Amino acid sequence: MGDSDTLRRVVIERVLEGPGKAAPEQRRAAFANEGVAPAVRTLIDKVTHHAYKVTDEDVEAAKAAGVTEDEIFELAVCASLGQATRQLEAALAALDAAVGNR
């Protein structure tokens, strides 16, 4: 495993399990985009699939449901990192398959 793989793992572990305002289980759910709490489900799904469509209203809806700005930020970062990780893994798998390494 290369240095970039190690660094990527360390970043993911820190974001999901390190100190934060959002509970680790909430962060893991946002990372996976599965089992996300109803208060932030729409926001996290948008961040994951259509980040450019996130609006102030999406953030305000989460805040109105009792989610703090810090938690919203952390969950959005987790959702972004999770989607980027899935996309990277899919791209690397496709590349490996194309060159016959699998």
C-alpha atoms as a PDB file:
ATOM      1  CA  MET A   1       0.000   0.000   0.000  1.00  0.00           C
ATOM      2  CA  GLY A   2       1.412   3.351  -1.001  1.00  0.00           C
ATOM      3  CA  ASP A   3       1.799   6.467   1.081  1.00  0.00           C
ATOM      4  CA  SER A   4      -1.286   8.038  -0.512  1.00  0.00           C
ATOM      5  CA  ASP A   5      -3.376   5.011   0.514  1.00  0.00           C
ATOM      6  CA  THR A   6      -2.127   5.293   4.079  1.00  0.00           C
ATOM      7  CA  LEU A   7      -2.814   9.014   4.217  1.00  0.00           C
ATOM      8  CA  ARG A   8      -6.285   8.495   2.763  1.00  0.00           C
ATOM      9  CA  ARG A   9      -7.067   5.893   5.443  1.00  0.00           C
ATOM     10  CA  VAL A  10      -5.783   8.194   8.200  1.00  0.00           C
ATOM     11  CA  VAL A  11      -7.922  11.093   6.966  1.00  0.00           C
ATOM     12  CA  ILE A  12     -11.041   8.930   6.754  1.00  0.00           C
ATOM     13  CA  GLU A  13     -10.457   7.481  10.214  1.00  0.00           C
ATOM     14  CA  ARG A  14      -9.896  10.941  11.709  1.00  0.00           C
ATOM     15  CA  VAL A  15     -12.990  12.410  10.072  1.00  0.00           C
ATOM     16  CA  LEU A  16     -15.220   9.510  11.074  1.00  0.00           C
ATOM     17  CA  GLU A  17     -13.865   8.619  14.502  1.00  0.00           C
ATOM     18  CA  GLY A  18     -11.981  11.660  15.779  1.00  0.00           C
ATOM     19  CA  PRO A  19     -13.345  14.370  18.046  1.00  0.00           C
ATOM     20  CA  GLY A  20     -16.240  16.310  16.629  1.00  0.00           C
ATOM     21  CA  LYS A  21     -19.634  17.810  17.308  1.00  0.00           C
ATOM     22  CA  ALA A  22     -21.551  15.175  15.319  1.00  0.00           C
ATOM     23  CA  ALA A  23     -21.596  11.694  16.835  1.00  0.00           C
ATOM     24  CA  PRO A  24     -19.329   9.155  15.115  1.00  0.00           C
ATOM     25  CA  GLU A  25     -22.330   7.034  14.107  1.00  0.00           C
ATOM     26  CA  GLN A  26     -23.869  10.091  12.398  1.00  0.00           C
ATOM     27  CA  ARG A  27     -20.601  10.775  10.611  1.00  0.00           C
ATOM     28  CA  ARG A  28     -20.312   7.148   9.462  1.00  0.00           C
ATOM     29  CA  ALA A  29     -23.905   7.241   8.197  1.00  0.00           C
ATOM     30  CA  ALA A  30     -23.229  10.441   6.232  1.00  0.00           C
ATOM     31  CA  PHE A  31     -20.002   8.944   4.827  1.00  0.00           C
ATOM     32  CA  ALA A  32     -21.923   5.871   3.605  1.00  0.00           C
ATOM     33  CA  ASN A  33     -25.077   7.862   2.761  1.00  0.00           C
ATOM     34  CA  GLU A  34     -27.026   5.111   4.527  1.00  0.00           C
ATOM     35  CA  GLY A  35     -29.061   5.336   7.693  1.00  0.00           C
ATOM     36  CA  VAL A  36     -28.792   9.124   7.790  1.00  0.00           C
ATOM     37  CA  ALA A  37     -31.011  10.826  10.371  1.00  0.00           C
ATOM     38  CA  PRO A  38     -34.203  12.322   8.899  1.00  0.00           C
ATOM     39  CA  ALA A  39     -33.159  15.837   9.985  1.00  0.00           C
ATOM     40  CA  VAL A  40     -30.246  15.843   7.528  1.00  0.00           C
ATOM     41  CA  ARG A  41     -31.214  13.137   5.016  1.00  0.00           C
ATOM     42  CA  THR A  42     -32.104  15.529   2.174  1.00  0.00           C
ATOM     43  CA  LEU A  43     -29.021  17.647   2.740  1.00  0.00           C
ATOM     44  CA  ILE A  44     -26.638  14.675   2.878  1.00  0.00           C
ATOM     45  CA  ASP A  45     -28.199  13.052  -0.170  1.00  0.00           C
ATOM     46  CA  LYS A  46     -27.784  16.292  -2.104  1.00  0.00           C
ATOM     47  CA  VAL A  47     -24.179  16.689  -0.961  1.00  0.00           C
ATOM     48  CA  THR A  48     -23.503  13.114  -2.053  1.00  0.00           C
ATOM     49  CA  HIS A  49     -25.200  13.146  -5.440  1.00  0.00           C
ATOM     50  CA  HIS A  50     -25.740  16.775  -6.514  1.00  0.00           C
ATOM     51  CA  ALA A  51     -23.643  19.075  -4.342  1.00  0.00           C
ATOM     52  CA  TYR A  52     -24.272  22.007  -6.652  1.00  0.00           C
ATOM     53  CA  LYS A  53     -27.980  21.786  -5.785  1.00  0.00           C
ATOM     54  CA  VAL A  54     -27.515  22.381  -2.029  1.00  0.00           C
ATOM     55  CA  THR A  55     -29.357  25.532  -1.017  1.00  0.00           C
ATOM     56  CA  ASP A  56     -29.529  27.760   2.017  1.00  0.00           C
ATOM     57  CA  GLU A  57     -32.983  26.296   2.572  1.00  0.00           C
ATOM     58  CA  ASP A  58     -31.503  22.783   2.894  1.00  0.00           C
ATOM     59  CA  VAL A  59     -29.130  24.001   5.587  1.00  0.00           C
ATOM     60  CA  GLU A  60     -31.863  25.993   7.321  1.00  0.00           C
ATOM     61  CA  ALA A  61     -34.147  22.934   7.353  1.00  0.00           C
ATOM     62  CA  ALA A  62     -31.455  20.914   9.114  1.00  0.00           C
ATOM     63  CA  LYS A  63     -30.897  23.742  11.597  1.00  0.00           C
ATOM     64  CA  ALA A  64     -34.644  24.013  12.224  1.00  0.00           C
ATOM     65  CA  ALA A  65     -34.639  20.276  13.028  1.00  0.00           C
ATOM     66  CA  GLY A  66     -32.082  20.920  15.782  1.00  0.00           C
ATOM     67  CA  VAL A  67     -28.812  20.186  13.969  1.00  0.00           C
ATOM     68  CA  THR A  68     -26.056  22.697  14.751  1.00  0.00           C
ATOM     69  CA  GLU A  69     -23.974  24.446  12.115  1.00  0.00           C
ATOM     70  CA  ASP A  70     -20.886  22.541  13.289  1.00  0.00           C
ATOM     71  CA  GLU A  71     -22.707  19.226  12.929  1.00  0.00           C
ATOM     72  CA  ILE A  72     -23.984  20.197   9.477  1.00  0.00           C
ATOM     73  CA  PHE A  73     -20.458  21.080   8.389  1.00  0.00           C
ATOM     74  CA  GLU A  74     -19.003  17.826   9.720  1.00  0.00           C
ATOM     75  CA  LEU A  75     -21.731  15.703   8.147  1.00  0.00           C
ATOM     76  CA  ALA A  76     -21.333  17.469   4.797  1.00  0.00           C
ATOM     77  CA  VAL A  77     -17.581  16.808   4.903  1.00  0.00           C
ATOM     78  CA  CYS A  78     -18.238  13.140   5.713  1.00  0.00           C
ATOM     79  CA  ALA A  79     -20.746  12.823   2.879  1.00  0.00           C
ATOM     80  CA  SER A  80     -18.319  14.465   0.430  1.00  0.00           C
ATOM     81  CA  LEU A  81     -15.418  12.311   1.539  1.00  0.00           C
ATOM     82  CA  GLY A  82     -17.541   9.173   1.350  1.00  0.00           C
ATOM     83  CA  GLN A  83     -18.701   9.894  -2.187  1.00  0.00           C
ATOM     84  CA  ALA A  84     -15.193  10.837  -3.316  1.00  0.00           C
ATOM     85  CA  THR A  85     -13.870   7.598  -1.810  1.00  0.00           C
ATOM     86  CA  ARG A  86     -16.493   5.501  -3.615  1.00  0.00           C
ATOM     87  CA  GLN A  87     -15.751   7.247  -6.895  1.00  0.00           C
ATOM     88  CA  LEU A  88     -12.000   6.788  -6.481  1.00  0.00           C
ATOM     89  CA  GLU A  89     -12.392   3.105  -5.628  1.00  0.00           C
ATOM     90  CA  ALA A  90     -14.636   2.566  -8.669  1.00  0.00           C
ATOM     91  CA  ALA A  91     -12.187   4.366 -10.939  1.00  0.00           C
ATOM     92  CA  LEU A  92      -9.212   2.391  -9.619  1.00  0.00           C
ATOM     93  CA  ALA A  93     -11.124  -0.885 -10.008  1.00  0.00           C
ATOM     94  CA  ALA A  94     -12.031   0.026 -13.588  1.00  0.00           C
ATOM     95  CA  LEU A  95      -8.423   0.924 -14.329  1.00  0.00           C
ATOM     96  CA  ASP A  96      -7.171  -2.324 -12.809  1.00  0.00           C
ATOM     97  CA  ALA A  97      -9.697  -4.291 -14.848  1.00  0.00           C
ATOM     98  CA  ALA A  98      -8.752  -2.459 -18.034  1.00  0.00           C
ATOM     99  CA  VAL A  99      -5.068  -3.265 -17.676  1.00  0.00           C
ATOM    100  CA  GLY A 100      -5.699  -6.824 -16.493  1.00  0.00           C
ATOM    101  CA  ASN A 101      -4.464  -6.524 -12.913  1.00  0.00           C
ATOM    102  CA  ARG A 102      -7.505  -8.226 -11.420  1.00  0.00           C
END
